[in-house]
């Protein structure tokens, strides 16, 4: 887990009895932007962790690419692995927008800072398929970002109803830990990433991360 002074929050839990997790996260800066991703390799244990590492390395190396191209790269590189669900957000600092693409069952939610908004928590669309095994038609979506908006990503070891009750004034690390504690299913690896989008939009210098 990351300490509370970090710019974003990360909490993870391997399946009981396993020493490795197949759930990985990537936060990578590039010219005029930031890539935020969560990977959930099929299954658990060593083979799942190896598949997740392949995807994470590709996402980090090619973070600047269009999301459709990035997913095709991951798909090619993961052909000899068991495959993974991957959800990725690419934040454009210049236009203050976020492009989104998800394949598989990694949940993404954009939490608006405006607590009076009609849809304060917007669950982001993910497409059926498995990166490395069965890639669907790829089409990213884009949306504007406002100061204070927060992106939350969670693997399927976390119950999807976590999006029903997301508090407005909790720091990234405490929120990630809270979601994991309350909504982990304990029958799979689990990971939660909480990323304040304003950090990337406003050009704050963030440490890069590639971690389980």
N, C-alpha and C. Protein backbone atom coordinates (compact mmCIF):
# COMPACT_ATOMS: atom_id res chain seq x y z
N UNK A 1 0.84 -1.20 0.00
CA UNK A 1 0.00 0.00 0.00
C UNK A 1 0.87 1.25 0.00
N UNK A 2 0.32 2.34 -0.56
CA UNK A 2 1.06 3.59 -0.61
C UNK A 2 0.76 4.41 0.63
N UNK A 3 1.70 5.28 1.01
CA UNK A 3 1.46 6.10 2.21
C UNK A 3 0.52 7.24 1.87
N UNK A 4 -0.04 7.86 2.90
CA UNK A 4 -1.08 8.86 2.70
C UNK A 4 -0.56 10.16 2.11
N UNK A 5 0.75 10.33 2.04
CA UNK A 5 1.30 11.55 1.46
C UNK A 5 1.39 11.47 -0.05
N UNK A 6 1.13 10.29 -0.62
CA UNK A 6 1.25 10.11 -2.06
C UNK A 6 0.13 10.84 -2.78
N UNK A 7 0.38 11.14 -4.06
CA UNK A 7 -0.58 11.91 -4.83
C UNK A 7 -1.80 11.10 -5.23
N UNK A 8 -1.69 9.80 -5.20
CA UNK A 8 -2.86 8.97 -5.48
C UNK A 8 -2.87 7.81 -4.49
N UNK A 9 -4.01 7.08 -4.46
CA UNK A 9 -4.15 6.00 -3.50
C UNK A 9 -4.17 4.64 -4.17
N UNK A 10 -3.54 3.66 -3.53
CA UNK A 10 -3.49 2.31 -4.05
C UNK A 10 -3.62 1.32 -2.90
N UNK A 11 -4.55 0.38 -3.02
CA UNK A 11 -4.70 -0.68 -2.03
C UNK A 11 -4.92 -1.99 -2.77
N UNK A 12 -4.23 -3.04 -2.36
CA UNK A 12 -4.35 -4.32 -3.06
C UNK A 12 -4.27 -5.47 -2.09
N UNK A 13 -4.81 -6.63 -2.54
CA UNK A 13 -4.87 -7.80 -1.69
C UNK A 13 -4.85 -9.04 -2.58
N UNK A 14 -3.81 -9.88 -2.47
CA UNK A 14 -3.81 -11.11 -3.27
C UNK A 14 -4.83 -12.10 -2.71
N UNK A 15 -5.22 -13.05 -3.54
CA UNK A 15 -6.10 -14.11 -3.08
C UNK A 15 -5.42 -14.86 -1.93
N UNK A 16 -6.19 -15.23 -0.94
CA UNK A 16 -5.63 -15.93 0.21
C UNK A 16 -4.85 -17.17 -0.21
N UNK A 17 -3.65 -17.32 0.35
CA UNK A 17 -2.81 -18.45 0.03
C UNK A 17 -1.84 -18.21 -1.11
N UNK A 18 -1.97 -17.09 -1.82
CA UNK A 18 -1.08 -16.76 -2.94
C UNK A 18 -0.04 -15.73 -2.49
N UNK A 19 1.17 -15.88 -3.01
CA UNK A 19 2.23 -14.93 -2.69
C UNK A 19 2.33 -13.82 -3.74
N UNK A 20 1.70 -14.01 -4.90
CA UNK A 20 1.71 -13.01 -5.97
C UNK A 20 0.29 -12.68 -6.39
N UNK A 21 0.11 -11.46 -6.87
CA UNK A 21 -1.19 -11.01 -7.36
C UNK A 21 -1.13 -10.80 -8.87
N UNK A 22 -2.23 -11.10 -9.54
CA UNK A 22 -2.35 -10.84 -10.97
C UNK A 22 -2.98 -9.49 -11.26
N UNK A 23 -3.18 -8.69 -10.22
CA UNK A 23 -3.73 -7.33 -10.37
C UNK A 23 -2.59 -6.32 -10.26
N UNK A 24 -2.43 -5.51 -11.29
CA UNK A 24 -1.36 -4.51 -11.32
C UNK A 24 -1.94 -3.15 -11.67
N UNK A 25 -1.20 -2.10 -11.30
CA UNK A 25 -1.58 -0.74 -11.69
C UNK A 25 -0.39 -0.04 -12.33
N UNK A 26 -0.70 0.91 -13.20
CA UNK A 26 0.33 1.73 -13.85
C UNK A 26 -0.12 3.18 -13.82
N UNK A 27 0.75 4.06 -13.36
CA UNK A 27 0.55 5.51 -13.48
C UNK A 27 1.82 6.05 -14.12
N UNK A 28 1.68 6.61 -15.33
CA UNK A 28 2.86 6.99 -16.11
C UNK A 28 2.63 8.34 -16.78
N UNK A 29 3.53 9.27 -16.56
CA UNK A 29 3.43 10.57 -17.22
C UNK A 29 4.12 10.53 -18.58
N UNK A 30 3.63 11.38 -19.48
CA UNK A 30 4.25 11.57 -20.78
C UNK A 30 4.02 13.02 -21.19
N UNK A 31 4.58 13.44 -22.33
CA UNK A 31 4.44 14.84 -22.74
C UNK A 31 2.97 15.24 -22.78
N UNK A 32 2.63 16.24 -22.00
CA UNK A 32 1.28 16.82 -21.97
C UNK A 32 0.22 15.87 -21.44
N UNK A 33 0.63 14.80 -20.74
CA UNK A 33 -0.42 13.92 -20.28
C UNK A 33 0.01 12.92 -19.23
N UNK A 34 -0.95 12.07 -18.87
CA UNK A 34 -0.76 11.06 -17.85
C UNK A 34 -1.62 9.84 -18.19
N UNK A 35 -1.02 8.65 -18.07
CA UNK A 35 -1.74 7.40 -18.27
C UNK A 35 -2.00 6.76 -16.92
N UNK A 36 -3.25 6.33 -16.71
CA UNK A 36 -3.64 5.67 -15.47
C UNK A 36 -4.33 4.37 -15.86
N UNK A 37 -3.84 3.23 -15.36
CA UNK A 37 -4.38 1.94 -15.81
C UNK A 37 -4.39 0.93 -14.68
N UNK A 38 -5.33 -0.01 -14.79
CA UNK A 38 -5.37 -1.17 -13.90
C UNK A 38 -5.54 -2.42 -14.75
N UNK A 39 -4.77 -3.44 -14.40
CA UNK A 39 -4.73 -4.72 -15.12
C UNK A 39 -5.20 -5.82 -14.18
N UNK A 40 -6.07 -6.69 -14.68
CA UNK A 40 -6.52 -7.86 -13.92
C UNK A 40 -6.31 -9.08 -14.81
N UNK A 41 -5.16 -9.78 -14.62
CA UNK A 41 -4.88 -10.97 -15.41
C UNK A 41 -5.83 -12.09 -15.01
N UNK A 42 -6.14 -12.96 -15.98
CA UNK A 42 -7.05 -14.06 -15.69
C UNK A 42 -6.45 -14.99 -14.63
N UNK A 43 -7.29 -15.42 -13.72
CA UNK A 43 -6.83 -16.32 -12.68
C UNK A 43 -6.08 -15.60 -11.59
N UNK A 44 -5.14 -16.32 -10.99
CA UNK A 44 -4.36 -15.74 -9.89
C UNK A 44 -3.04 -16.49 -9.80
N UNK A 45 -2.18 -16.05 -8.89
CA UNK A 45 -0.90 -16.71 -8.70
C UNK A 45 0.17 -16.28 -9.68
N UNK A 46 1.22 -17.10 -9.81
CA UNK A 46 2.40 -16.73 -10.59
C UNK A 46 2.08 -16.43 -12.05
N UNK A 47 1.31 -17.30 -12.72
CA UNK A 47 1.03 -17.10 -14.15
C UNK A 47 0.24 -15.82 -14.39
N UNK A 48 -0.68 -15.52 -13.49
CA UNK A 48 -1.45 -14.28 -13.62
C UNK A 48 -0.55 -13.07 -13.42
N UNK A 49 0.36 -13.16 -12.44
CA UNK A 49 1.28 -12.05 -12.20
C UNK A 49 2.19 -11.82 -13.40
N UNK A 50 2.63 -12.90 -14.05
CA UNK A 50 3.48 -12.77 -15.22
C UNK A 50 2.74 -12.09 -16.37
N UNK A 51 1.50 -12.46 -16.59
CA UNK A 51 0.70 -11.81 -17.63
C UNK A 51 0.51 -10.32 -17.33
N UNK A 52 0.25 -10.00 -16.07
CA UNK A 52 0.06 -8.61 -15.68
C UNK A 52 1.34 -7.80 -15.88
N UNK A 53 2.48 -8.41 -15.61
CA UNK A 53 3.75 -7.69 -15.80
C UNK A 53 3.99 -7.37 -17.27
N UNK A 54 3.64 -8.28 -18.16
CA UNK A 54 3.79 -8.02 -19.59
C UNK A 54 2.95 -6.82 -20.00
N UNK A 55 1.70 -6.81 -19.57
CA UNK A 55 0.81 -5.70 -19.90
C UNK A 55 1.30 -4.39 -19.29
N UNK A 56 1.73 -4.44 -18.04
CA UNK A 56 2.18 -3.23 -17.36
C UNK A 56 3.39 -2.61 -18.05
N UNK A 57 4.34 -3.46 -18.47
CA UNK A 57 5.53 -2.96 -19.15
C UNK A 57 5.17 -2.29 -20.46
N UNK A 58 4.22 -2.86 -21.20
CA UNK A 58 3.80 -2.26 -22.47
C UNK A 58 3.09 -0.94 -22.25
N UNK A 59 2.21 -0.89 -21.26
CA UNK A 59 1.50 0.35 -20.96
C UNK A 59 2.47 1.46 -20.57
N UNK A 60 3.47 1.12 -19.79
CA UNK A 60 4.44 2.13 -19.38
C UNK A 60 5.27 2.62 -20.56
N UNK A 61 5.72 1.69 -21.40
CA UNK A 61 6.60 2.06 -22.51
C UNK A 61 5.89 2.88 -23.57
N UNK A 62 4.62 2.57 -23.82
CA UNK A 62 3.89 3.22 -24.91
C UNK A 62 2.74 4.09 -24.39
N UNK A 63 2.91 4.66 -23.22
CA UNK A 63 1.85 5.43 -22.58
C UNK A 63 1.36 6.60 -23.42
N UNK A 64 2.20 7.12 -24.29
CA UNK A 64 1.86 8.30 -25.08
C UNK A 64 0.95 7.98 -26.26
N UNK A 65 0.77 6.72 -26.61
CA UNK A 65 0.04 6.36 -27.81
C UNK A 65 -1.48 6.49 -27.63
N UNK A 66 -2.19 6.55 -28.75
CA UNK A 66 -3.65 6.50 -28.70
C UNK A 66 -4.08 5.21 -28.03
N UNK A 67 -5.17 5.26 -27.31
CA UNK A 67 -5.59 4.10 -26.54
C UNK A 67 -5.85 2.88 -27.42
N UNK A 68 -6.46 3.07 -28.58
CA UNK A 68 -6.72 1.92 -29.45
C UNK A 68 -5.41 1.24 -29.86
N UNK A 69 -4.41 2.05 -30.22
CA UNK A 69 -3.11 1.49 -30.60
C UNK A 69 -2.44 0.81 -29.42
N UNK A 70 -2.58 1.39 -28.25
CA UNK A 70 -1.97 0.84 -27.05
C UNK A 70 -2.56 -0.53 -26.72
N UNK A 71 -3.87 -0.66 -26.85
CA UNK A 71 -4.49 -1.96 -26.58
C UNK A 71 -4.07 -3.01 -27.60
N UNK A 72 -3.91 -2.61 -28.84
CA UNK A 72 -3.46 -3.58 -29.85
C UNK A 72 -2.04 -4.05 -29.55
N UNK A 73 -1.19 -3.14 -29.09
CA UNK A 73 0.17 -3.54 -28.69
C UNK A 73 0.11 -4.56 -27.55
N UNK A 74 -0.68 -4.25 -26.53
CA UNK A 74 -0.80 -5.16 -25.40
C UNK A 74 -1.33 -6.52 -25.86
N UNK A 75 -2.31 -6.51 -26.74
CA UNK A 75 -2.89 -7.75 -27.23
C UNK A 75 -1.84 -8.60 -27.94
N UNK A 76 -1.02 -7.99 -28.77
CA UNK A 76 0.04 -8.72 -29.49
C UNK A 76 1.06 -9.29 -28.50
N UNK A 77 1.48 -8.48 -27.55
CA UNK A 77 2.53 -8.90 -26.62
C UNK A 77 2.05 -9.95 -25.63
N UNK A 78 0.74 -10.04 -25.43
CA UNK A 78 0.21 -10.95 -24.43
C UNK A 78 -0.30 -12.26 -25.00
N UNK A 79 -0.04 -12.52 -26.27
CA UNK A 79 -0.55 -13.73 -26.92
C UNK A 79 -0.07 -15.01 -26.25
N UNK A 80 1.11 -14.99 -25.66
CA UNK A 80 1.65 -16.18 -25.00
C UNK A 80 1.35 -16.22 -23.51
N UNK A 81 0.47 -15.33 -23.05
CA UNK A 81 0.07 -15.32 -21.64
C UNK A 81 -1.39 -15.73 -21.54
N UNK A 82 -1.90 -15.77 -20.33
CA UNK A 82 -3.30 -16.14 -20.13
C UNK A 82 -4.25 -14.98 -20.40
N UNK A 83 -3.73 -13.77 -20.68
CA UNK A 83 -4.57 -12.62 -21.00
C UNK A 83 -5.03 -11.87 -19.77
N UNK A 84 -5.67 -10.73 -20.02
CA UNK A 84 -6.07 -9.88 -18.90
C UNK A 84 -7.21 -8.95 -19.29
N UNK A 85 -7.93 -8.51 -18.28
CA UNK A 85 -8.83 -7.36 -18.40
C UNK A 85 -8.01 -6.11 -18.09
N UNK A 86 -8.19 -5.08 -18.90
CA UNK A 86 -7.42 -3.86 -18.72
C UNK A 86 -8.34 -2.66 -18.93
N UNK A 87 -8.26 -1.69 -18.03
CA UNK A 87 -8.95 -0.41 -18.20
C UNK A 87 -7.92 0.70 -18.08
N UNK A 88 -8.01 1.66 -19.02
CA UNK A 88 -6.99 2.71 -19.13
C UNK A 88 -7.65 4.07 -19.33
N UNK A 89 -7.12 5.06 -18.62
CA UNK A 89 -7.50 6.46 -18.83
C UNK A 89 -6.25 7.22 -19.26
N UNK A 90 -6.39 8.04 -20.31
CA UNK A 90 -5.30 8.89 -20.77
C UNK A 90 -5.75 10.34 -20.60
N UNK A 91 -5.02 11.07 -19.76
CA UNK A 91 -5.41 12.44 -19.42
C UNK A 91 -4.58 13.42 -20.22
N UNK A 92 -5.26 14.32 -20.92
CA UNK A 92 -4.62 15.35 -21.74
C UNK A 92 -4.62 16.65 -20.94
N UNK A 93 -3.43 17.09 -20.53
CA UNK A 93 -3.33 18.30 -19.72
C UNK A 93 -3.74 19.55 -20.49
N UNK A 94 -3.40 19.57 -21.79
CA UNK A 94 -3.66 20.77 -22.59
C UNK A 94 -5.14 21.04 -22.75
N UNK A 95 -5.91 19.98 -23.02
CA UNK A 95 -7.34 20.14 -23.28
C UNK A 95 -8.21 19.85 -22.05
N UNK A 96 -7.56 19.44 -20.96
CA UNK A 96 -8.29 19.09 -19.74
C UNK A 96 -9.39 18.07 -20.03
N UNK A 97 -8.99 17.01 -20.72
CA UNK A 97 -9.92 15.94 -21.05
C UNK A 97 -9.31 14.59 -20.66
N UNK A 98 -10.17 13.60 -20.57
CA UNK A 98 -9.73 12.23 -20.30
C UNK A 98 -10.31 11.31 -21.35
N UNK A 99 -9.45 10.52 -22.01
CA UNK A 99 -9.89 9.47 -22.90
C UNK A 99 -9.90 8.16 -22.14
N UNK A 100 -10.89 7.32 -22.42
CA UNK A 100 -11.10 6.10 -21.63
C UNK A 100 -11.33 4.91 -22.55
N UNK A 101 -10.75 3.76 -22.18
CA UNK A 101 -11.01 2.52 -22.89
C UNK A 101 -10.82 1.36 -21.92
N UNK A 102 -11.81 0.50 -21.84
CA UNK A 102 -11.72 -0.66 -20.96
C UNK A 102 -12.15 -1.92 -21.68
N UNK A 103 -11.39 -2.98 -21.51
CA UNK A 103 -11.72 -4.29 -22.06
C UNK A 103 -11.71 -5.29 -20.91
N UNK A 104 -12.84 -5.93 -20.68
CA UNK A 104 -12.94 -6.85 -19.56
C UNK A 104 -13.62 -6.23 -18.37
N UNK A 105 -13.34 -6.74 -17.19
CA UNK A 105 -14.15 -6.39 -16.02
C UNK A 105 -13.41 -5.58 -14.97
N UNK A 106 -12.54 -4.67 -15.38
CA UNK A 106 -11.97 -3.69 -14.45
C UNK A 106 -12.90 -2.48 -14.44
N UNK A 107 -13.52 -2.23 -13.31
CA UNK A 107 -14.50 -1.14 -13.19
C UNK A 107 -13.80 0.21 -13.11
N UNK A 108 -14.35 1.18 -13.83
CA UNK A 108 -13.87 2.55 -13.74
C UNK A 108 -15.01 3.48 -13.38
N UNK A 109 -14.75 4.42 -12.49
CA UNK A 109 -15.77 5.40 -12.11
C UNK A 109 -15.12 6.77 -12.01
N UNK A 110 -15.74 7.76 -12.67
CA UNK A 110 -15.28 9.14 -12.55
C UNK A 110 -16.18 9.84 -11.55
N UNK A 111 -15.57 10.29 -10.46
CA UNK A 111 -16.32 10.93 -9.38
C UNK A 111 -16.17 12.44 -9.52
N UNK A 112 -17.27 13.11 -9.81
CA UNK A 112 -17.25 14.56 -9.99
C UNK A 112 -17.12 15.27 -8.65
N UNK A 113 -16.35 16.36 -8.66
CA UNK A 113 -16.17 17.15 -7.43
C UNK A 113 -17.46 17.85 -7.03
N UNK A 114 -18.30 18.16 -8.00
CA UNK A 114 -19.56 18.85 -7.74
C UNK A 114 -20.56 17.87 -7.14
N UNK A 115 -20.78 17.97 -5.84
CA UNK A 115 -21.66 17.03 -5.16
C UNK A 115 -23.12 17.22 -5.54
N UNK A 116 -23.46 18.31 -6.23
CA UNK A 116 -24.85 18.55 -6.64
C UNK A 116 -25.10 18.09 -8.07
N UNK A 117 -24.09 17.55 -8.74
CA UNK A 117 -24.25 17.10 -10.12
C UNK A 117 -25.29 15.99 -10.21
N UNK A 118 -26.04 15.96 -11.32
CA UNK A 118 -27.07 14.94 -11.51
C UNK A 118 -26.48 13.54 -11.45
N UNK A 119 -25.29 13.37 -12.02
CA UNK A 119 -24.61 12.08 -12.01
C UNK A 119 -23.21 12.29 -11.44
N UNK A 120 -23.13 12.36 -10.12
CA UNK A 120 -21.84 12.67 -9.49
C UNK A 120 -20.84 11.55 -9.71
N UNK A 121 -21.31 10.29 -9.70
CA UNK A 121 -20.44 9.15 -9.95
C UNK A 121 -20.83 8.54 -11.29
N UNK A 122 -19.95 8.67 -12.28
CA UNK A 122 -20.23 8.15 -13.62
C UNK A 122 -19.44 6.87 -13.82
N UNK A 123 -20.14 5.74 -13.93
CA UNK A 123 -19.46 4.48 -14.18
C UNK A 123 -19.08 4.42 -15.66
N UNK A 124 -17.82 4.14 -15.94
CA UNK A 124 -17.29 4.20 -17.30
C UNK A 124 -17.51 2.89 -18.03
N UNK A 125 -17.72 2.98 -19.34
CA UNK A 125 -18.06 1.82 -20.15
C UNK A 125 -16.85 0.91 -20.33
N UNK A 126 -17.05 -0.39 -20.16
CA UNK A 126 -16.03 -1.38 -20.50
C UNK A 126 -16.63 -2.35 -21.51
N UNK A 127 -15.78 -2.87 -22.41
CA UNK A 127 -16.23 -3.77 -23.47
C UNK A 127 -15.85 -5.20 -23.14
N UNK A 128 -16.68 -6.14 -23.56
CA UNK A 128 -16.39 -7.54 -23.31
C UNK A 128 -15.17 -8.00 -24.10
N UNK A 129 -14.41 -8.93 -23.53
CA UNK A 129 -13.23 -9.45 -24.20
C UNK A 129 -12.10 -9.66 -23.23
N UNK A 130 -10.99 -10.16 -23.77
CA UNK A 130 -9.79 -10.40 -22.98
C UNK A 130 -8.59 -9.95 -23.80
N UNK A 131 -7.80 -9.04 -23.28
CA UNK A 131 -6.60 -8.58 -23.99
C UNK A 131 -5.59 -9.72 -24.01
N UNK A 132 -5.15 -10.09 -25.20
CA UNK A 132 -4.24 -11.21 -25.38
C UNK A 132 -4.93 -12.46 -25.89
N UNK A 133 -6.26 -12.49 -25.81
CA UNK A 133 -7.01 -13.67 -26.24
C UNK A 133 -8.15 -13.31 -27.20
N UNK A 134 -8.92 -12.31 -26.85
CA UNK A 134 -10.11 -11.98 -27.64
C UNK A 134 -10.38 -10.49 -27.52
N UNK A 135 -9.81 -9.74 -28.46
CA UNK A 135 -9.93 -8.28 -28.41
C UNK A 135 -11.20 -7.84 -29.14
N UNK A 136 -12.05 -7.05 -28.50
CA UNK A 136 -13.28 -6.57 -29.16
C UNK A 136 -12.97 -5.39 -30.09
N UNK A 137 -14.01 -4.89 -30.74
CA UNK A 137 -13.85 -3.62 -31.47
C UNK A 137 -13.48 -2.54 -30.47
N UNK A 138 -12.45 -1.77 -30.82
CA UNK A 138 -11.92 -0.78 -29.88
C UNK A 138 -12.40 0.62 -30.25
N UNK A 139 -13.00 1.29 -29.28
CA UNK A 139 -13.46 2.65 -29.51
C UNK A 139 -13.42 3.39 -28.17
N UNK A 140 -12.49 4.31 -28.04
CA UNK A 140 -12.35 5.05 -26.79
C UNK A 140 -13.40 6.15 -26.72
N UNK A 141 -13.64 6.63 -25.52
CA UNK A 141 -14.54 7.76 -25.31
C UNK A 141 -13.78 8.86 -24.59
N UNK A 142 -14.21 10.10 -24.78
CA UNK A 142 -13.53 11.24 -24.17
C UNK A 142 -14.52 12.06 -23.37
N UNK A 143 -14.03 12.67 -22.31
CA UNK A 143 -14.89 13.49 -21.46
C UNK A 143 -14.07 14.61 -20.84
N UNK A 144 -14.71 15.76 -20.57
CA UNK A 144 -13.99 16.87 -19.94
C UNK A 144 -13.72 16.58 -18.48
N UNK A 145 -12.64 17.18 -17.96
CA UNK A 145 -12.30 17.06 -16.55
C UNK A 145 -12.44 18.42 -15.88
N UNK A 146 -12.93 18.41 -14.66
CA UNK A 146 -13.07 19.63 -13.88
C UNK A 146 -12.21 19.52 -12.62
N UNK A 147 -11.77 20.64 -12.07
CA UNK A 147 -10.96 20.60 -10.85
C UNK A 147 -11.64 19.79 -9.76
N UNK A 148 -10.89 18.88 -9.16
CA UNK A 148 -11.43 18.07 -8.08
C UNK A 148 -12.02 16.74 -8.50
N UNK A 149 -12.14 16.48 -9.82
CA UNK A 149 -12.65 15.18 -10.27
C UNK A 149 -11.65 14.08 -9.91
N UNK A 150 -12.18 12.91 -9.60
CA UNK A 150 -11.34 11.78 -9.17
C UNK A 150 -11.72 10.53 -9.95
N UNK A 151 -10.71 9.79 -10.38
CA UNK A 151 -10.91 8.53 -11.09
C UNK A 151 -10.67 7.38 -10.11
N UNK A 152 -11.60 6.43 -10.08
CA UNK A 152 -11.44 5.23 -9.24
C UNK A 152 -11.50 4.01 -10.15
N UNK A 153 -10.49 3.15 -10.06
CA UNK A 153 -10.44 1.90 -10.82
C UNK A 153 -10.38 0.74 -9.84
N UNK A 154 -11.09 -0.35 -10.14
CA UNK A 154 -11.09 -1.51 -9.25
C UNK A 154 -11.25 -2.79 -10.05
N UNK A 155 -10.50 -3.82 -9.66
CA UNK A 155 -10.60 -5.12 -10.32
C UNK A 155 -11.83 -5.87 -9.82
N UNK A 156 -12.10 -7.05 -10.43
CA UNK A 156 -13.34 -7.74 -10.08
C UNK A 156 -13.24 -8.50 -8.76
N UNK A 157 -12.11 -8.37 -8.07
CA UNK A 157 -12.06 -8.85 -6.69
C UNK A 157 -12.68 -7.86 -5.73
N UNK A 158 -13.22 -6.77 -6.29
CA UNK A 158 -13.92 -5.74 -5.51
C UNK A 158 -15.35 -5.66 -6.03
N UNK A 159 -16.33 -5.75 -5.15
CA UNK A 159 -17.72 -5.70 -5.57
C UNK A 159 -18.02 -4.40 -6.30
N UNK A 160 -18.76 -4.50 -7.39
CA UNK A 160 -19.00 -3.35 -8.25
C UNK A 160 -19.88 -2.30 -7.58
N UNK A 161 -20.60 -2.67 -6.55
CA UNK A 161 -21.48 -1.70 -5.90
C UNK A 161 -20.71 -0.68 -5.06
N UNK A 162 -19.37 -0.74 -5.07
CA UNK A 162 -18.60 0.31 -4.38
C UNK A 162 -18.91 1.68 -4.96
N UNK A 163 -19.35 1.72 -6.22
CA UNK A 163 -19.66 3.00 -6.86
C UNK A 163 -20.94 3.63 -6.34
N UNK A 164 -21.74 2.87 -5.59
CA UNK A 164 -23.01 3.39 -5.09
C UNK A 164 -22.83 4.38 -3.94
N UNK A 165 -21.68 4.32 -3.28
CA UNK A 165 -21.48 5.17 -2.11
C UNK A 165 -20.02 5.57 -2.02
N UNK A 166 -19.68 6.64 -2.72
CA UNK A 166 -18.31 7.15 -2.71
C UNK A 166 -18.31 8.52 -2.02
N UNK A 167 -17.68 8.62 -0.86
CA UNK A 167 -17.69 9.90 -0.12
C UNK A 167 -16.94 10.98 -0.87
N UNK A 168 -17.34 12.22 -0.67
CA UNK A 168 -16.78 13.33 -1.42
C UNK A 168 -15.48 13.86 -0.84
N UNK A 169 -15.25 13.72 0.46
CA UNK A 169 -14.12 14.39 1.10
C UNK A 169 -13.23 13.40 1.85
N UNK A 170 -12.74 12.42 1.12
CA UNK A 170 -11.80 11.45 1.68
C UNK A 170 -10.57 11.44 0.78
N UNK A 171 -9.37 11.48 1.37
CA UNK A 171 -8.14 11.48 0.60
C UNK A 171 -7.97 10.22 -0.22
N UNK A 172 -7.13 10.26 -1.27
CA UNK A 172 -6.98 9.12 -2.18
C UNK A 172 -6.58 7.82 -1.48
N UNK A 173 -5.56 7.86 -0.62
CA UNK A 173 -5.13 6.62 0.02
C UNK A 173 -6.17 6.08 1.01
N UNK A 174 -6.71 6.91 1.90
CA UNK A 174 -7.76 6.39 2.79
C UNK A 174 -8.97 5.86 2.01
N UNK A 175 -9.32 6.50 0.89
CA UNK A 175 -10.47 6.03 0.11
C UNK A 175 -10.18 4.68 -0.52
N UNK A 176 -8.98 4.51 -1.09
CA UNK A 176 -8.62 3.22 -1.68
C UNK A 176 -8.68 2.11 -0.64
N UNK A 177 -8.15 2.36 0.54
CA UNK A 177 -8.15 1.36 1.60
C UNK A 177 -9.57 1.08 2.09
N UNK A 178 -10.37 2.13 2.16
CA UNK A 178 -11.76 1.97 2.61
C UNK A 178 -12.55 1.10 1.64
N UNK A 179 -12.40 1.37 0.35
CA UNK A 179 -13.12 0.58 -0.65
C UNK A 179 -12.69 -0.89 -0.59
N UNK A 180 -11.38 -1.12 -0.51
CA UNK A 180 -10.88 -2.50 -0.46
C UNK A 180 -11.42 -3.22 0.77
N UNK A 181 -11.36 -2.56 1.91
CA UNK A 181 -11.81 -3.19 3.15
C UNK A 181 -13.29 -3.53 3.12
N UNK A 182 -14.09 -2.64 2.57
CA UNK A 182 -15.54 -2.83 2.63
C UNK A 182 -16.08 -3.71 1.51
N UNK A 183 -15.40 -3.72 0.34
CA UNK A 183 -16.01 -4.34 -0.84
C UNK A 183 -15.20 -5.50 -1.43
N UNK A 184 -14.05 -5.85 -0.87
CA UNK A 184 -13.29 -6.99 -1.39
C UNK A 184 -14.11 -8.27 -1.25
N UNK A 185 -14.09 -9.09 -2.31
CA UNK A 185 -14.88 -10.34 -2.29
C UNK A 185 -14.14 -11.47 -1.57
N UNK A 186 -12.80 -11.38 -1.51
CA UNK A 186 -11.94 -12.38 -0.88
C UNK A 186 -11.97 -13.72 -1.61
N UNK A 187 -12.46 -13.75 -2.86
CA UNK A 187 -12.37 -14.97 -3.66
C UNK A 187 -11.53 -14.74 -4.92
N UNK A 188 -10.78 -13.65 -4.96
CA UNK A 188 -9.91 -13.32 -6.09
C UNK A 188 -8.93 -12.25 -5.63
N UNK A 189 -7.87 -12.03 -6.43
CA UNK A 189 -7.03 -10.86 -6.19
C UNK A 189 -7.90 -9.61 -6.25
N UNK A 190 -7.51 -8.58 -5.52
CA UNK A 190 -8.29 -7.34 -5.51
C UNK A 190 -7.35 -6.15 -5.49
N UNK A 191 -7.73 -5.10 -6.23
CA UNK A 191 -6.92 -3.87 -6.27
C UNK A 191 -7.82 -2.68 -6.52
N UNK A 192 -7.53 -1.59 -5.81
CA UNK A 192 -8.25 -0.32 -5.99
C UNK A 192 -7.23 0.78 -6.20
N UNK A 193 -7.43 1.59 -7.23
CA UNK A 193 -6.59 2.75 -7.50
C UNK A 193 -7.46 3.99 -7.51
N UNK A 194 -7.09 4.99 -6.71
CA UNK A 194 -7.83 6.26 -6.65
C UNK A 194 -6.89 7.36 -7.13
N UNK A 195 -7.27 8.03 -8.21
CA UNK A 195 -6.39 9.01 -8.83
C UNK A 195 -7.10 10.36 -8.96
N UNK A 196 -6.63 11.41 -8.26
CA UNK A 196 -7.20 12.75 -8.41
C UNK A 196 -6.80 13.34 -9.76
N UNK A 197 -7.75 13.49 -10.65
CA UNK A 197 -7.43 13.93 -12.02
C UNK A 197 -6.83 15.33 -12.06
N UNK A 198 -7.18 16.18 -11.10
CA UNK A 198 -6.67 17.55 -11.12
C UNK A 198 -5.15 17.56 -10.98
N UNK A 199 -4.57 16.55 -10.35
CA UNK A 199 -3.11 16.50 -10.20
C UNK A 199 -2.45 16.45 -11.57
N UNK A 200 -3.02 15.65 -12.47
CA UNK A 200 -2.46 15.52 -13.82
C UNK A 200 -2.80 16.73 -14.68
N UNK A 201 -4.04 17.20 -14.58
CA UNK A 201 -4.48 18.32 -15.41
C UNK A 201 -3.71 19.59 -15.10
N UNK A 202 -3.42 19.80 -13.82
CA UNK A 202 -2.74 21.02 -13.42
C UNK A 202 -1.22 20.91 -13.51
N UNK A 203 -0.74 19.76 -13.97
CA UNK A 203 0.69 19.61 -14.21
C UNK A 203 1.51 19.37 -12.98
N UNK A 204 0.89 18.92 -11.90
CA UNK A 204 1.65 18.60 -10.70
C UNK A 204 2.66 17.50 -11.00
N UNK A 205 3.86 17.63 -10.50
CA UNK A 205 4.88 16.61 -10.71
C UNK A 205 4.56 15.41 -9.83
N UNK A 206 4.32 14.26 -10.47
CA UNK A 206 3.97 13.05 -9.74
C UNK A 206 5.05 12.01 -9.89
N UNK A 207 5.31 11.23 -8.85
CA UNK A 207 6.23 10.11 -9.00
C UNK A 207 5.61 9.08 -9.90
N UNK A 208 6.39 8.44 -10.77
CA UNK A 208 5.86 7.40 -11.65
C UNK A 208 5.79 6.09 -10.87
N UNK A 209 4.85 5.26 -11.28
CA UNK A 209 4.60 4.04 -10.53
C UNK A 209 4.35 2.89 -11.48
N UNK A 210 4.92 1.74 -11.16
CA UNK A 210 4.61 0.48 -11.85
C UNK A 210 4.63 -0.56 -10.77
N UNK A 211 3.46 -1.03 -10.33
CA UNK A 211 3.46 -1.87 -9.13
C UNK A 211 2.34 -2.86 -9.13
N UNK A 212 2.51 -3.88 -8.31
CA UNK A 212 1.43 -4.81 -8.07
C UNK A 212 0.40 -4.20 -7.14
